[in-house]
Structures are given as structure tokens and as C-alpha cells.
Protein backbone atom coordinates (compact mmCIF):
# COMPACT_ATOMS: atom_id res chain seq x y z
CA UNK A 1 -25.05 -5.14 -7.96
CA UNK A 2 -28.01 -3.04 -6.43
CA UNK A 3 -29.03 -0.27 -8.87
CA UNK A 4 -32.55 1.06 -8.37
CA UNK A 5 -33.67 -2.25 -6.84
CA UNK A 6 -32.19 -4.48 -9.53
CA UNK A 7 -29.40 -6.97 -8.60
CA UNK A 8 -26.76 -8.69 -10.72
CA UNK A 9 -26.49 -12.58 -10.51
CA UNK A 10 -23.53 -14.32 -9.25
CA UNK A 11 -22.73 -15.52 -12.68
CA UNK A 12 -22.57 -11.90 -13.99
CA UNK A 13 -20.46 -10.93 -11.15
CA UNK A 14 -18.28 -14.02 -11.45
CA UNK A 15 -17.78 -13.30 -15.04
CA UNK A 16 -16.61 -9.73 -14.26
CA UNK A 17 -13.99 -10.93 -11.68
CA UNK A 18 -13.07 -14.24 -13.32
CA UNK A 19 -9.64 -12.88 -14.81
CA UNK A 20 -8.67 -12.22 -11.10
CA UNK A 21 -8.53 -16.02 -10.53
CA UNK A 22 -6.58 -17.03 -13.77
CA UNK A 23 -2.97 -18.14 -12.90
CA UNK A 24 -3.02 -17.53 -9.25
CA UNK A 25 -3.53 -19.96 -6.22
CA UNK A 26 -6.30 -18.22 -4.40
CA UNK A 27 -7.65 -14.95 -5.70
CA UNK A 28 -9.91 -12.58 -4.14
CA UNK A 29 -12.14 -13.54 -1.24
CA UNK A 30 -15.71 -12.52 -0.62
CA UNK A 31 -14.95 -9.19 1.25
CA UNK A 32 -12.40 -8.53 -1.29
CA UNK A 33 -15.04 -9.04 -4.08
CA UNK A 34 -17.34 -6.74 -2.19
CA UNK A 35 -14.66 -3.96 -2.28
CA UNK A 36 -14.13 -4.56 -5.91
CA UNK A 37 -17.56 -4.00 -6.93
CA UNK A 38 -17.87 -1.03 -4.66
CA UNK A 39 -14.85 0.71 -5.85
CA UNK A 40 -14.84 -0.37 -9.68
CA UNK A 41 -18.47 -0.68 -10.24
CA UNK A 42 -20.22 1.58 -7.69
CA UNK A 43 -22.38 -1.34 -6.37
CA UNK A 44 -23.02 -2.83 -3.03
CA UNK A 45 -23.52 -6.65 -2.89
CA UNK A 46 -24.02 -9.06 -0.10
CA UNK A 47 -21.28 -11.41 1.28
CA UNK A 48 -23.35 -14.40 0.09
CA UNK A 49 -23.58 -13.08 -3.39
CA UNK A 50 -19.90 -12.29 -3.41
CA UNK A 51 -19.23 -15.94 -2.34
CA UNK A 52 -21.35 -17.32 -5.06
CA UNK A 53 -19.67 -15.16 -7.60
CA UNK A 54 -16.39 -16.20 -6.39
CA UNK A 55 -17.35 -20.03 -6.55
CA UNK A 56 -18.64 -19.36 -10.08
CA UNK A 57 -15.46 -17.43 -11.24
CA UNK A 58 -13.24 -20.16 -9.84
CA UNK A 59 -15.33 -22.92 -11.66
CA UNK A 60 -15.05 -21.03 -14.94
CA UNK A 61 -11.21 -20.68 -14.60
CA UNK A 62 -10.34 -24.06 -13.29
CA UNK A 63 -13.26 -26.19 -14.07
CA UNK A 64 -15.37 -28.23 -11.76
CA UNK A 65 -13.19 -30.95 -10.04
CA UNK A 66 -15.64 -33.79 -10.66
CA UNK A 67 -15.78 -33.18 -14.31
CA UNK A 68 -11.84 -32.99 -14.45
CA UNK A 69 -11.48 -36.00 -12.63
CA UNK A 70 -13.60 -37.84 -15.15
CA UNK A 71 -10.86 -36.88 -17.96
CA UNK A 72 -8.08 -38.79 -16.19
CA UNK A 73 -8.93 -42.14 -17.58
CA UNK A 74 -9.16 -40.54 -21.24
CA UNK A 75 -5.89 -38.90 -20.63
CA UNK A 76 -4.13 -42.20 -19.58
CA UNK A 77 -5.42 -44.05 -22.43
CA UNK A 78 -4.19 -41.24 -24.96
CA UNK A 79 -0.56 -41.46 -23.26
CA UNK A 80 -0.61 -45.31 -23.54
CA UNK A 81 -1.46 -45.05 -27.22
CA UNK A 82 1.15 -42.43 -28.02
CA UNK A 83 3.83 -44.44 -25.86
CA UNK A 84 3.54 -48.09 -26.49
């Protein structure tokens, strides 16, 4: 967000838009985020900032794949314990 020379971070923008990725397959693309920020917040952002914000929002909602993959072995162990 550019307001008098100040720019919001991808994390700030991602936090504002993360609800748009909850429960949907894709969610807004970078150009959509640019439009959202322009219409709802009156701010201009670059495409690269929009892309970074998108990636951050998705990671907040869905988690990071590498971290989730590491949980599989724990989940399988719990299943075996619950169902001998």
C-alpha cells in the first residue's frame, strides 16, 4: 500500500486477504489482489507485492506443505495406537 511513500508488507496485505483463501481451491490471483487493494483500501501495490501477499495468505490458511508432510508419520502412529 502506498500512502505518502509508505508501503505495506506482503504479510500485512496477506493478513488482510487471507479470509478469501479459506475453503476455496484457488482464491484471488495477483491481479485480483491489486484490484481488491485499490477498491477496498484505496492503495496501489505492485504485482510482485500482490504475489508475495498471495503466497503468504495461502501459507497462513493451508500451511506450508513441507511442514504438513512431516506430520504424516505422527498421524499414522496415532491411528495405529487408536486402532490396534
